[in-house]
C-alpha atoms as a PDB file:
ATOM      1  CA  MET A   1      -2.041 134.165  34.728  1.00  0.00           C
ATOM      2  CA  ARG A   2      -4.124 131.003  34.281  1.00  0.00           C
ATOM      3  CA  HIS A   3      -7.088 131.776  36.473  1.00  0.00           C
ATOM      4  CA  ASN A   4     -10.393 130.068  35.616  1.00  0.00           C
ATOM      5  CA  LYS A   5      -8.783 128.006  32.816  1.00  0.00           C
ATOM      6  CA  HIS A   6      -8.996 124.644  34.505  1.00  0.00           C
ATOM      7  CA  HIS A   7      -9.247 121.567  32.346  1.00  0.00           C
ATOM      8  CA  ALA A   8      -7.810 118.068  32.670  1.00  0.00           C
ATOM      9  CA  SER A   9      -4.338 118.486  31.064  1.00  0.00           C
ATOM     10  CA  LEU A  10      -3.772 114.663  31.317  1.00  0.00           C
ATOM     11  CA  GLY A  11      -0.031 115.368  31.393  1.00  0.00           C
ATOM     12  CA  VAL A  12       0.291 115.838  27.651  1.00  0.00           C
ATOM     13  CA  THR A  13       0.445 118.593  25.140  1.00  0.00           C
ATOM     14  CA  ARG A  14      -2.620 120.273  23.708  1.00  0.00           C
ATOM     15  CA  GLU A  15      -2.391 118.520  20.395  1.00  0.00           C
ATOM     16  CA  HIS A  16      -1.892 115.106  21.985  1.00  0.00           C
ATOM     17  CA  ARG A  17      -4.806 115.687  24.364  1.00  0.00           C
ATOM     18  CA  LYS A  18      -7.094 116.665  21.502  1.00  0.00           C
ATOM     19  CA  SER A  19      -6.246 113.554  19.527  1.00  0.00           C
ATOM     20  CA  MET A  20      -6.528 111.347  22.575  1.00  0.00           C
ATOM     21  CA  LEU A  21     -10.006 112.633  23.425  1.00  0.00           C
ATOM     22  CA  SER A  22     -10.933 112.258  19.767  1.00  0.00           C
ATOM     23  CA  ASN A  23      -9.856 108.615  19.764  1.00  0.00           C
ATOM     24  CA  LEU A  24     -11.544 107.873  23.115  1.00  0.00           C
ATOM     25  CA  ALA A  25     -14.783 109.502  21.863  1.00  0.00           C
ATOM     26  CA  ALA A  26     -14.639 107.453  18.656  1.00  0.00           C
ATOM     27  CA  SER A  27     -14.220 104.248  20.635  1.00  0.00           C
ATOM     28  CA  LEU A  28     -17.035 105.185  22.992  1.00  0.00           C
ATOM     29  CA  ILE A  29     -19.400 105.937  20.083  1.00  0.00           C
ATOM     30  CA  THR A  30     -18.427 102.698  18.312  1.00  0.00           C
ATOM     31  CA  HIS A  31     -18.545 100.301  21.244  1.00  0.00           C
ATOM     32  CA  GLY A  32     -20.984 102.077  23.652  1.00  0.00           C
ATOM     33  CA  ARG A  33     -18.705 101.365  26.690  1.00  0.00           C
ATOM     34  CA  ILE A  34     -14.964 101.670  27.218  1.00  0.00           C
ATOM     35  CA  GLN A  35     -12.532 101.107  30.043  1.00  0.00           C
ATOM     36  CA  THR A  36     -10.022 103.815  30.700  1.00  0.00           C
ATOM     37  CA  THR A  37      -8.490 105.691  33.568  1.00  0.00           C
ATOM     38  CA  LEU A  38     -10.810 107.785  35.840  1.00  0.00           C
ATOM     39  CA  THR A  39      -9.132 111.067  34.831  1.00  0.00           C
ATOM     40  CA  LYS A  40      -9.471 110.363  31.157  1.00  0.00           C
ATOM     41  CA  ALA A  41     -13.116 109.341  31.659  1.00  0.00           C
ATOM     42  CA  LYS A  42     -13.858 112.578  33.439  1.00  0.00           C
ATOM     43  CA  ALA A  43     -12.200 114.585  30.687  1.00  0.00           C
ATOM     44  CA  LEU A  44     -14.006 112.584  28.009  1.00  0.00           C
ATOM     45  CA  ARG A  45     -17.492 113.080  29.442  1.00  0.00           C
ATOM     46  CA  PRO A  46     -17.988 116.842  28.550  1.00  0.00           C
ATOM     47  CA  PHE A  47     -16.179 116.345  25.207  1.00  0.00           C
ATOM     48  CA  VAL A  48     -18.412 113.509  23.971  1.00  0.00           C
ATOM     49  CA  GLU A  49     -21.596 115.093  25.343  1.00  0.00           C
ATOM     50  CA  ARG A  50     -20.991 118.188  23.294  1.00  0.00           C
ATOM     51  CA  VAL A  51     -20.730 116.000  20.172  1.00  0.00           C
ATOM     52  CA  ILE A  52     -23.935 114.160  21.029  1.00  0.00           C
ATOM     53  CA  THR A  53     -25.678 117.520  21.457  1.00  0.00           C
ATOM     54  CA  LYS A  54     -24.520 118.506  17.988  1.00  0.00           C
ATOM     55  CA  ALA A  55     -25.988 115.245  16.623  1.00  0.00           C
ATOM     56  CA  LYS A  56     -29.322 115.948  18.384  1.00  0.00           C
ATOM     57  CA  GLN A  57     -29.394 119.515  17.002  1.00  0.00           C
ATOM     58  CA  ALA A  58     -28.633 118.232  13.511  1.00  0.00           C
ATOM     59  CA  ALA A  59     -31.573 115.829  13.670  1.00  0.00           C
ATOM     60  CA  ALA A  60     -33.856 118.637  14.690  1.00  0.00           C
ATOM     61  CA  LYS A  61     -32.794 120.930  11.822  1.00  0.00           C
ATOM     62  CA  THR A  62     -35.173 121.166   8.884  1.00  0.00           C
ATOM     63  CA  GLU A  63     -32.610 122.460   6.343  1.00  0.00           C
ATOM     64  CA  LYS A  64     -29.978 120.088   5.188  1.00  0.00           C
ATOM     65  CA  LYS A  65     -27.215 122.649   5.110  1.00  0.00           C
ATOM     66  CA  ASP A  66     -27.636 123.277   8.851  1.00  0.00           C
ATOM     67  CA  ALA A  67     -27.408 119.566   9.587  1.00  0.00           C
ATOM     68  CA  ILE A  68     -24.348 119.217   7.411  1.00  0.00           C
ATOM     69  CA  HIS A  69     -22.693 122.140   9.190  1.00  0.00           C
ATOM     70  CA  LEU A  70     -23.240 120.524  12.613  1.00  0.00           C
ATOM     71  CA  ARG A  71     -21.976 117.187  11.294  1.00  0.00           C
ATOM     72  CA  ARG A  72     -18.776 118.789  10.031  1.00  0.00           C
ATOM     73  CA  LEU A  73     -18.258 120.565  13.408  1.00  0.00           C
ATOM     74  CA  ALA A  74     -18.615 117.163  15.110  1.00  0.00           C
ATOM     75  CA  LEU A  75     -16.240 115.594  12.575  1.00  0.00           C
ATOM     76  CA  SER A  76     -13.636 118.272  13.372  1.00  0.00           C
ATOM     77  CA  ASP A  77     -13.795 117.185  16.999  1.00  0.00           C
ATOM     78  CA  VAL A  78     -13.912 113.406  16.677  1.00  0.00           C
ATOM     79  CA  ARG A  79     -12.116 112.918  13.314  1.00  0.00           C
ATOM     80  CA  ASP A  80     -13.492 109.409  12.741  1.00  0.00           C
ATOM     81  CA  GLU A  81     -15.981 109.228   9.865  1.00  0.00           C
ATOM     82  CA  THR A  82     -17.466 105.857  10.810  1.00  0.00           C
ATOM     83  CA  ALA A  83     -18.059 106.898  14.402  1.00  0.00           C
ATOM     84  CA  ILE A  84     -19.701 110.211  13.382  1.00  0.00           C
ATOM     85  CA  THR A  85     -21.872 108.347  10.764  1.00  0.00           C
ATOM     86  CA  LYS A  86     -23.013 105.923  13.445  1.00  0.00           C
ATOM     87  CA  LEU A  87     -23.754 108.735  15.912  1.00  0.00           C
ATOM     88  CA  PHE A  88     -25.643 110.940  13.510  1.00  0.00           C
ATOM     89  CA  ASN A  89     -27.602 108.076  11.841  1.00  0.00           C
ATOM     90  CA  GLU A  90     -28.335 105.696  14.688  1.00  0.00           C
ATOM     91  CA  THR A  91     -27.117 106.523  18.218  1.00  0.00           C
ATOM     92  CA  HIS A  92     -28.551 110.040  18.541  1.00  0.00           C
ATOM     93  CA  LYS A  93     -32.094 108.566  18.564  1.00  0.00           C
ATOM     94  CA  GLU A  94     -31.453 107.076  22.037  1.00  0.00           C
ATOM     95  CA  PHE A  95     -30.949 110.524  23.517  1.00  0.00           C
ATOM     96  CA  THR A  96     -33.919 112.414  22.018  1.00  0.00           C
ATOM     97  CA  ASN A  97     -35.781 112.435  25.352  1.00  0.00           C
ATOM     98  CA  ARG A  98     -32.725 113.208  27.500  1.00  0.00           C
ATOM     99  CA  ALA A  99     -31.618 116.782  28.189  1.00  0.00           C
ATOM    100  CA  GLY A 100     -27.931 116.058  28.868  1.00  0.00           C
ATOM    101  CA  GLY A 101     -26.316 113.389  30.994  1.00  0.00           C
ATOM    102  CA  TYR A 102     -25.708 111.034  28.134  1.00  0.00           C
ATOM    103  CA  THR A 103     -22.814 109.171  29.806  1.00  0.00           C
ATOM    104  CA  ARG A 104     -22.218 107.405  33.092  1.00  0.00           C
ATOM    105  CA  ILE A 105     -18.880 106.752  34.721  1.00  0.00           C
ATOM    106  CA  TYR A 106     -18.393 103.678  36.975  1.00  0.00           C
ATOM    107  CA  LYS A 107     -15.306 103.550  39.176  1.00  0.00           C
ATOM    108  CA  LEU A 108     -13.682 100.200  39.067  1.00  0.00           C
ATOM    109  CA  GLY A 109     -12.155  98.960  42.294  1.00  0.00           C
ATOM    110  CA  ALA A 110      -8.933  97.632  40.928  1.00  0.00           C
ATOM    111  CA  GLN A 111      -6.016  99.864  40.057  1.00  0.00           C
ATOM    112  CA  ARG A 112      -3.890  99.288  37.033  1.00  0.00           C
ATOM    113  CA  GLN A 113      -0.870  97.074  37.855  1.00  0.00           C
ATOM    114  CA  SER A 114       1.787  99.128  36.095  1.00  0.00           C
ATOM    115  CA  ASP A 115       1.183 102.621  37.364  1.00  0.00           C
ATOM    116  CA  ALA A 116      -1.643 102.174  39.980  1.00  0.00           C
ATOM    117  CA  ALA A 117      -3.965 104.420  37.998  1.00  0.00           C
ATOM    118  CA  GLU A 118      -7.644 104.326  39.066  1.00  0.00           C
ATOM    119  CA  LEU A 119      -9.717 102.617  36.344  1.00  0.00           C
ATOM    120  CA  ALA A 120     -13.205 103.458  35.267  1.00  0.00           C
ATOM    121  CA  LEU A 121     -15.901 102.421  32.793  1.00  0.00           C
ATOM    122  CA  ILE A 122     -17.576 105.162  30.808  1.00  0.00           C
ATOM    123  CA  GLU A 123     -20.739 104.172  28.947  1.00  0.00           C
ATOM    124  CA  PHE A 124     -23.796 105.663  27.243  1.00  0.00           C
ATOM    125  CA  VAL A 125     -26.938 105.806  29.384  1.00  0.00           C
ATOM    126  CA  LYS A 126     -29.821 103.858  27.815  1.00  0.00           C
ATOM    127  CA  ALA A 127     -32.873 105.765  26.624  1.00  0.00           C
ATOM    128  CA  ASP A 128     -35.209 104.083  29.082  1.00  0.00           C
ATOM    129  CA  ASP A 129     -32.763 104.247  31.991  1.00  0.00           C
ATOM    130  CA  VAL A 130     -34.070 106.610  34.686  1.00  0.00           C
ATOM    131  CA  GLY A 131     -30.960 106.109  36.829  1.00  0.00           C
ATOM    132  CA  TYR A 132     -31.120 106.089  40.540  1.00  0.00           C
ATOM    133  CA  THR A 133     -32.920 108.356  42.869  1.00  0.00           C
ATOM    134  CA  LYS A 134     -31.000 110.013  45.656  1.00  0.00           C
ATOM    135  CA  SER A 135     -32.121 109.287  49.122  1.00  0.00           C
ATOM    136  CA  LYS A 136     -33.658 112.094  51.025  1.00  0.00           C
ATOM    137  CA  GLY A 137     -31.021 111.729  53.670  1.00  0.00           C
ATOM    138  CA  LYS A 138     -31.063 110.136  57.079  1.00  0.00           C
ATOM    139  CA  ARG A 139     -34.101 110.831  59.206  1.00  0.00           C
ATOM    140  CA  SER A 140     -33.492 112.350  62.566  1.00  0.00           C
ATOM    141  CA  ALA A 141     -34.015 110.221  65.656  1.00  0.00           C
ATOM    142  CA  LYS A 142     -37.174 112.242  66.438  1.00  0.00           C
ATOM    143  CA  GLY A 143     -38.619 111.502  62.977  1.00  0.00           C
ATOM    144  CA  LYS A 144     -38.153 107.725  63.423  1.00  0.00           C
ATOM    145  CA  LYS A 145     -39.638 107.703  66.895  1.00  0.00           C
ATOM    146  CA  SER A 146     -42.598 109.778  65.831  1.00  0.00           C
ATOM    147  CA  ALA A 147     -43.287 107.551  62.872  1.00  0.00           C
ATOM    148  CA  LYS A 148     -43.225 104.424  65.132  1.00  0.00           C
ATOM    149  CA  ALA A 149     -45.327 106.120  67.738  1.00  0.00           C
ATOM    150  CA  LYS A 150     -48.061 107.121  65.240  1.00  0.00           C
ATOM    151  CA  ALA A 151     -48.382 103.586  63.767  1.00  0.00           C
ATOM    152  CA  PRO A 152     -49.500 101.609  66.886  1.00  0.00           C
ATOM    153  CA  LYS A 153     -52.026 104.195  68.050  1.00  0.00           C
ATOM    154  CA  PRO A 154     -54.751 103.321  65.544  1.00  0.00           C
ATOM    155  CA  GLU A 155     -54.368  99.623  66.283  1.00  0.00           C
ATOM    156  CA  ALA A 156     -54.667 100.200  70.048  1.00  0.00           C
ATOM    157  CA  ALA A 157     -57.812 102.235  69.465  1.00  0.00           C
ATOM    158  CA  VAL A 158     -59.488  99.378  67.606  1.00  0.00           C
ATOM    159  CA  GLU A 159     -58.778  96.726  70.240  1.00  0.00           C
ATOM    160  CA  THR A 160     -60.902  96.733  73.373  1.00  0.00           C
ATOM    161  CA  PRO A 161     -59.849  95.629  76.872  1.00  0.00           C
ATOM    162  CA  ALA A 162     -62.269  92.679  76.604  1.00  0.00           C
ATOM    163  CA  ALA A 163     -60.581  91.440  73.458  1.00  0.00           C
ATOM    164  CA  GLU A 164     -57.158  91.619  75.122  1.00  0.00           C
ATOM    165  CA  ALA A 165     -58.375  89.605  78.092  1.00  0.00           C
ATOM    166  CA  ALA A 166     -59.684  86.845  75.770  1.00  0.00           C
ATOM    167  CA  LEU A 167     -56.245  86.390  74.182  1.00  0.00           C
ATOM    168  CA  PRO A 168     -54.157  83.612  75.780  1.00  0.00           C
ATOM    169  CA  VAL A 169     -50.871  84.748  77.299  1.00  0.00           C
ATOM    170  CA  SER A 170     -47.931  82.473  76.689  1.00  0.00           C
ATOM    171  CA  SER A 171     -45.192  82.220  79.356  1.00  0.00           C
ATOM    172  CA  GLU A 172     -42.618  81.297  76.654  1.00  0.00           C
ATOM    173  CA  THR A 173     -42.676  84.681  74.909  1.00  0.00           C
ATOM    174  CA  PRO A 174     -40.210  87.163  76.393  1.00  0.00           C
ATOM    175  CA  ALA A 175     -41.457  90.456  77.710  1.00  0.00           C
ATOM    176  CA  PRO A 176     -40.781  93.360  75.248  1.00  0.00           C
ATOM    177  CA  ALA A 177     -38.589  95.191  77.784  1.00  0.00           C
ATOM    178  CA  GLU A 178     -36.161  92.267  78.103  1.00  0.00           C
ATOM    179  CA  ALA A 179     -33.078  92.083  75.913  1.00  0.00           C
ATOM    180  CA  PRO A 180     -32.414  88.845  73.987  1.00  0.00           C
ATOM    181  CA  ALA A 181     -29.687  86.694  75.493  1.00  0.00           C
ATOM    182  CA  PRO A 182     -26.256  86.943  73.790  1.00  0.00           C
ATOM    183  CA  ALA A 183     -25.386  84.055  71.481  1.00  0.00           C
ATOM    184  CA  GLN A 184     -21.956  83.463  73.052  1.00  0.00           C
ATOM    185  CA  ALA A 185     -20.619  84.544  76.374  1.00  0.00           C
ATOM    186  CA  PRO A 186     -17.454  86.674  76.163  1.00  0.00           C
ATOM    187  CA  LYS A 187     -14.308  84.739  77.024  1.00  0.00           C
ATOM    188  CA  PRO A 188     -11.980  85.917  79.741  1.00  0.00           C
ATOM    189  CA  GLU A 189      -8.727  87.457  78.591  1.00  0.00           C
ATOM    190  CA  GLY A 190      -6.626  84.505  79.712  1.00  0.00           C
ATOM    191  CA  GLU A 191      -8.423  82.023  77.453  1.00  0.00           C
ATOM    192  CA  ASN A 192      -7.879  84.036  74.130  1.00  0.00           C
ATOM    193  CA  LYS A 193      -4.227  82.959  73.930  1.00  0.00           C
ATOM    194  CA  SER A 194      -3.515  79.480  72.615  1.00  0.00           C
END
């Protein structure tokens, strides 16, 4: 049985998938951003992040033999010498202060014309990029009303009745309880047809 052995098979054999992920990772390391299908991008993310972690660990090693060992392990995964050299010599410095999450996937709205596959951009996250903060969720209706109710109270306490009487009252301003007039009156059903 295949329980708990889920991975993105991508519709190809194991060898083909391994070489495809290797080539995608090499392109991502070389260019910093690539466009591919959403499924391939989701499969590529953990693959390339493991390689980046190996590069970070190699930079932290004091003995050269340990760094070479990690470099060879990464080379067995990616199989592109120039991409690994760029990653281990230059690119890993961007991720020294990040604990994971080195890539970001953007879904592109358009589908591919030939097979209607969802397209995505996968890119490295910059070192100084903090990303976005998630909202705390919608406030309940009680929370909004209580926040509005708390704000006017201090202003009302500062004003005195004598100060209110001194202010001129304009007849042009609508009362707060009145609703604004609609911009256009709705047309009867008979007039909609032309």
